Amino acid sequence: MFSEDGTLNRAALREKVFAGEADRKVLESILHPLIRQEVTRQLAQVSGSYAVVVVPLLVETGGYASLCQRVLVVDCREQTQIARSMRRSQLSEFQVRAIMAVQASRAQRLAAADDVVVNEGTIDELNAQIDRLHQSYLSVQQPTPL
């Protein structure tokens, strides 16, 4: 799964992992515990009012409920998601849809959300949503440690 220069060959890994559920499950069983361990380590070092933990497969993996007080979903229409993924990763629409098919649906992500940021408009509109959410998070009363 590595290129000649030693870097991860993302295309080869993607093809293998999304070709069959067994390979994807093996990779997830290796990566997700390590990722959760690193998230826990980094959260222990947070000194701000709050922290944002970015977990692309939060709904699918679970295991973060004890680390998070709220779930924020950044949402957009499916067509927007497909177009952005194609542009970012140089994938075909077929490849993007195949990846999306094994992930939580938009409805499942939205059902898990405490907060939603809609990422369909301008950067100014997005920033305004983020600013409002930031103020909301700052106002949340933090629990007293036992």
C-alpha atoms as a PDB file:
ATOM      1  CA  MET A   1       0.000   0.000   0.000  1.00  0.00           C
ATOM      2  CA  PHE A   2       3.031   2.257  -0.202  1.00  0.00           C
ATOM      3  CA  SER A   3       4.436   4.130  -3.182  1.00  0.00           C
ATOM      4  CA  GLU A   4       8.056   3.786  -4.214  1.00  0.00           C
ATOM      5  CA  ASP A   5       8.907   6.938  -2.246  1.00  0.00           C
ATOM      6  CA  GLY A   6       7.507   5.369   0.949  1.00  0.00           C
ATOM      7  CA  THR A   7       4.325   7.443   1.116  1.00  0.00           C
ATOM      8  CA  LEU A   8       0.908   5.891   1.500  1.00  0.00           C
ATOM      9  CA  ASN A   9      -0.656   5.008  -1.835  1.00  0.00           C
ATOM     10  CA  ARG A  10      -4.135   6.266  -1.015  1.00  0.00           C
ATOM     11  CA  ALA A  11      -5.621   5.118  -4.315  1.00  0.00           C
ATOM     12  CA  ALA A  12      -4.445   1.520  -3.829  1.00  0.00           C
ATOM     13  CA  LEU A  13      -5.581   1.485  -0.212  1.00  0.00           C
ATOM     14  CA  ARG A  14      -8.966   2.965  -1.137  1.00  0.00           C
ATOM     15  CA  GLU A  15      -9.461   0.374  -3.870  1.00  0.00           C
ATOM     16  CA  LYS A  16      -8.631  -2.529  -1.555  1.00  0.00           C
ATOM     17  CA  VAL A  17     -10.608  -1.275   1.427  1.00  0.00           C
ATOM     18  CA  PHE A  18     -13.746  -0.420  -0.506  1.00  0.00           C
ATOM     19  CA  ALA A  19     -13.639  -3.568  -2.634  1.00  0.00           C
ATOM     20  CA  GLY A  20     -14.743  -5.747   0.255  1.00  0.00           C
ATOM     21  CA  GLU A  21     -16.156  -5.325   3.726  1.00  0.00           C
ATOM     22  CA  ALA A  22     -13.672  -7.740   5.338  1.00  0.00           C
ATOM     23  CA  ASP A  23     -10.617  -5.655   4.410  1.00  0.00           C
ATOM     24  CA  ARG A  24     -12.343  -2.461   5.523  1.00  0.00           C
ATOM     25  CA  LYS A  25     -13.273  -4.021   8.876  1.00  0.00           C
ATOM     26  CA  VAL A  26      -9.676  -5.174   9.443  1.00  0.00           C
ATOM     27  CA  LEU A  27      -8.351  -1.686   8.718  1.00  0.00           C
ATOM     28  CA  GLU A  28     -10.961  -0.110  10.987  1.00  0.00           C
ATOM     29  CA  SER A  29     -10.138  -2.548  13.809  1.00  0.00           C
ATOM     30  CA  ILE A  30      -6.504  -1.453  13.581  1.00  0.00           C
ATOM     31  CA  LEU A  31      -6.993   2.281  13.128  1.00  0.00           C
ATOM     32  CA  HIS A  32      -9.999   3.218  15.254  1.00  0.00           C
ATOM     33  CA  PRO A  33      -8.563   2.174  18.640  1.00  0.00           C
ATOM     34  CA  LEU A  34      -5.344   4.050  17.831  1.00  0.00           C
ATOM     35  CA  ILE A  35      -7.278   7.135  16.750  1.00  0.00           C
ATOM     36  CA  ARG A  36      -9.428   7.079  19.896  1.00  0.00           C
ATOM     37  CA  GLN A  37      -6.300   6.700  22.027  1.00  0.00           C
ATOM     38  CA  GLU A  38      -4.718   9.736  20.334  1.00  0.00           C
ATOM     39  CA  VAL A  39      -7.919  11.774  20.712  1.00  0.00           C
ATOM     40  CA  THR A  40      -7.988  10.937  24.427  1.00  0.00           C
ATOM     41  CA  ARG A  41      -4.331  11.934  24.771  1.00  0.00           C
ATOM     42  CA  GLN A  42      -4.856  15.250  23.036  1.00  0.00           C
ATOM     43  CA  LEU A  43      -8.038  16.037  24.972  1.00  0.00           C
ATOM     44  CA  ALA A  44      -6.110  15.627  28.221  1.00  0.00           C
ATOM     45  CA  GLN A  45      -3.905  18.517  27.107  1.00  0.00           C
ATOM     46  CA  VAL A  46      -6.696  20.964  26.198  1.00  0.00           C
ATOM     47  CA  SER A  47      -6.552  24.211  28.109  1.00  0.00           C
ATOM     48  CA  GLY A  48      -9.250  26.183  26.270  1.00  0.00           C
ATOM     49  CA  SER A  49     -12.931  26.572  26.993  1.00  0.00           C
ATOM     50  CA  TYR A  50     -13.786  23.660  24.753  1.00  0.00           C
ATOM     51  CA  ALA A  51     -12.262  21.368  22.142  1.00  0.00           C
ATOM     52  CA  VAL A  52     -13.529  20.202  18.788  1.00  0.00           C
ATOM     53  CA  VAL A  53     -12.784  16.579  18.005  1.00  0.00           C
ATOM     54  CA  VAL A  54     -12.971  15.875  14.278  1.00  0.00           C
ATOM     55  CA  VAL A  55     -14.052  12.286  13.659  1.00  0.00           C
ATOM     56  CA  PRO A  56     -15.117  11.697  10.042  1.00  0.00           C
ATOM     57  CA  LEU A  57     -16.695   8.321  10.885  1.00  0.00           C
ATOM     58  CA  LEU A  58     -18.133   9.279  14.285  1.00  0.00           C
ATOM     59  CA  VAL A  59     -21.571   7.780  13.664  1.00  0.00           C
ATOM     60  CA  GLU A  60     -20.166   4.579  12.169  1.00  0.00           C
ATOM     61  CA  THR A  61     -17.493   3.922  14.792  1.00  0.00           C
ATOM     62  CA  GLY A  62     -19.185   4.986  18.001  1.00  0.00           C
ATOM     63  CA  GLY A  63     -16.981   4.896  21.066  1.00  0.00           C
ATOM     64  CA  TYR A  64     -16.724   8.659  21.446  1.00  0.00           C
ATOM     65  CA  ALA A  65     -19.815   9.333  23.568  1.00  0.00           C
ATOM     66  CA  SER A  66     -17.775   9.400  26.778  1.00  0.00           C
ATOM     67  CA  LEU A  67     -15.388  11.953  25.254  1.00  0.00           C
ATOM     68  CA  CYS A  68     -17.888  14.355  23.729  1.00  0.00           C
ATOM     69  CA  GLN A  69     -20.693  16.437  25.185  1.00  0.00           C
ATOM     70  CA  ARG A  70     -22.149  17.446  21.828  1.00  0.00           C
ATOM     71  CA  VAL A  71     -22.071  16.250  18.245  1.00  0.00           C
ATOM     72  CA  LEU A  72     -21.640  18.842  15.516  1.00  0.00           C
ATOM     73  CA  VAL A  73     -22.361  17.842  11.936  1.00  0.00           C
ATOM     74  CA  VAL A  74     -21.181  19.954   9.029  1.00  0.00           C
ATOM     75  CA  ASP A  75     -23.844  19.247   6.432  1.00  0.00           C
ATOM     76  CA  CYS A  76     -24.366  19.796   2.735  1.00  0.00           C
ATOM     77  CA  ARG A  77     -26.529  18.310   0.027  1.00  0.00           C
ATOM     78  CA  GLU A  78     -25.457  14.925  -1.315  1.00  0.00           C
ATOM     79  CA  GLN A  79     -24.683  16.380  -4.751  1.00  0.00           C
ATOM     80  CA  THR A  80     -22.431  18.992  -3.147  1.00  0.00           C
ATOM     81  CA  GLN A  81     -20.665  16.285  -1.156  1.00  0.00           C
ATOM     82  CA  ILE A  82     -20.115  14.205  -4.286  1.00  0.00           C
ATOM     83  CA  ALA A  83     -18.819  17.135  -6.328  1.00  0.00           C
ATOM     84  CA  ARG A  84     -16.435  18.242  -3.576  1.00  0.00           C
ATOM     85  CA  SER A  85     -15.126  14.711  -3.053  1.00  0.00           C
ATOM     86  CA  MET A  86     -14.571  14.227  -6.756  1.00  0.00           C
ATOM     87  CA  ARG A  87     -12.698  17.511  -7.007  1.00  0.00           C
ATOM     88  CA  ARG A  88     -10.617  17.011  -3.850  1.00  0.00           C
ATOM     89  CA  SER A  89      -9.634  13.386  -4.379  1.00  0.00           C
ATOM     90  CA  GLN A  90      -9.772  13.095  -8.162  1.00  0.00           C
ATOM     91  CA  LEU A  91     -12.353  10.313  -7.906  1.00  0.00           C
ATOM     92  CA  SER A  92     -15.175   9.384 -10.244  1.00  0.00           C
ATOM     93  CA  GLU A  93     -18.770   9.830  -9.152  1.00  0.00           C
ATOM     94  CA  PHE A  94     -19.051   6.024  -9.050  1.00  0.00           C
ATOM     95  CA  GLN A  95     -16.097   5.795  -6.631  1.00  0.00           C
ATOM     96  CA  VAL A  96     -17.471   8.530  -4.385  1.00  0.00           C
ATOM     97  CA  ARG A  97     -20.901   6.915  -4.274  1.00  0.00           C
ATOM     98  CA  ALA A  98     -19.334   3.546  -3.428  1.00  0.00           C
ATOM     99  CA  ILE A  99     -17.515   5.110  -0.486  1.00  0.00           C
ATOM    100  CA  MET A 100     -20.643   6.934   0.654  1.00  0.00           C
ATOM    101  CA  ALA A 101     -22.630   3.686   0.474  1.00  0.00           C
ATOM    102  CA  VAL A 102     -20.615   2.179   3.338  1.00  0.00           C
ATOM    103  CA  GLN A 103     -20.807   5.296   5.495  1.00  0.00           C
ATOM    104  CA  ALA A 104     -23.644   6.587   7.633  1.00  0.00           C
ATOM    105  CA  SER A 105     -26.290   8.299   5.560  1.00  0.00           C
ATOM    106  CA  ARG A 106     -26.886  12.015   5.711  1.00  0.00           C
ATOM    107  CA  ALA A 107     -30.097  11.314   7.651  1.00  0.00           C
ATOM    108  CA  GLN A 108     -28.201   9.190  10.193  1.00  0.00           C
ATOM    109  CA  ARG A 109     -25.562  11.893  10.700  1.00  0.00           C
ATOM    110  CA  LEU A 110     -28.210  14.579  11.125  1.00  0.00           C
ATOM    111  CA  ALA A 111     -30.126  12.383  13.594  1.00  0.00           C
ATOM    112  CA  ALA A 112     -26.952  12.072  15.703  1.00  0.00           C
ATOM    113  CA  ALA A 113     -26.306  15.821  15.660  1.00  0.00           C
ATOM    114  CA  ASP A 114     -26.816  18.220  18.529  1.00  0.00           C
ATOM    115  CA  ASP A 115     -25.693  21.062  16.274  1.00  0.00           C
ATOM    116  CA  VAL A 116     -25.605  21.439  12.494  1.00  0.00           C
ATOM    117  CA  VAL A 117     -23.576  23.811  10.337  1.00  0.00           C
ATOM    118  CA  VAL A 118     -24.860  24.024   6.779  1.00  0.00           C
ATOM    119  CA  ASN A 119     -21.960  24.324   4.357  1.00  0.00           C
ATOM    120  CA  GLU A 120     -23.762  25.278   1.141  1.00  0.00           C
ATOM    121  CA  GLY A 121     -23.412  29.049   0.976  1.00  0.00           C
ATOM    122  CA  THR A 122     -20.642  31.588   0.965  1.00  0.00           C
ATOM    123  CA  ILE A 123     -17.645  31.584   3.246  1.00  0.00           C
ATOM    124  CA  ASP A 124     -19.159  34.595   5.042  1.00  0.00           C
ATOM    125  CA  GLU A 125     -22.352  32.642   5.720  1.00  0.00           C
ATOM    126  CA  LEU A 126     -20.313  29.702   6.975  1.00  0.00           C
ATOM    127  CA  ASN A 127     -18.221  31.949   9.212  1.00  0.00           C
ATOM    128  CA  ALA A 128     -21.381  33.538  10.660  1.00  0.00           C
ATOM    129  CA  GLN A 129     -22.712  30.088  11.604  1.00  0.00           C
ATOM    130  CA  ILE A 130     -19.381  29.146  13.161  1.00  0.00           C
ATOM    131  CA  ASP A 131     -19.251  32.405  15.130  1.00  0.00           C
ATOM    132  CA  ARG A 132     -22.763  31.816  16.535  1.00  0.00           C
ATOM    133  CA  LEU A 133     -21.887  28.242  17.443  1.00  0.00           C
ATOM    134  CA  HIS A 134     -18.625  29.337  19.057  1.00  0.00           C
ATOM    135  CA  GLN A 135     -20.499  31.812  21.261  1.00  0.00           C
ATOM    136  CA  SER A 136     -22.994  29.114  22.157  1.00  0.00           C
ATOM    137  CA  TYR A 137     -20.219  26.695  23.117  1.00  0.00           C
ATOM    138  CA  LEU A 138     -18.507  29.340  25.223  1.00  0.00           C
ATOM    139  CA  SER A 139     -21.725  29.880  27.173  1.00  0.00           C
ATOM    140  CA  VAL A 140     -22.193  26.193  28.061  1.00  0.00           C
ATOM    141  CA  GLN A 141     -21.619  25.624  31.749  1.00  0.00           C
ATOM    142  CA  GLN A 142     -18.733  23.233  32.149  1.00  0.00           C
ATOM    143  CA  PRO A 143     -19.315  20.393  34.648  1.00  0.00           C
ATOM    144  CA  THR A 144     -17.352  20.543  37.863  1.00  0.00           C
ATOM    145  CA  PRO A 145     -14.779  17.733  38.078  1.00  0.00           C
ATOM    146  CA  LEU A 146     -15.494  15.204  40.810  1.00  0.00           C
END
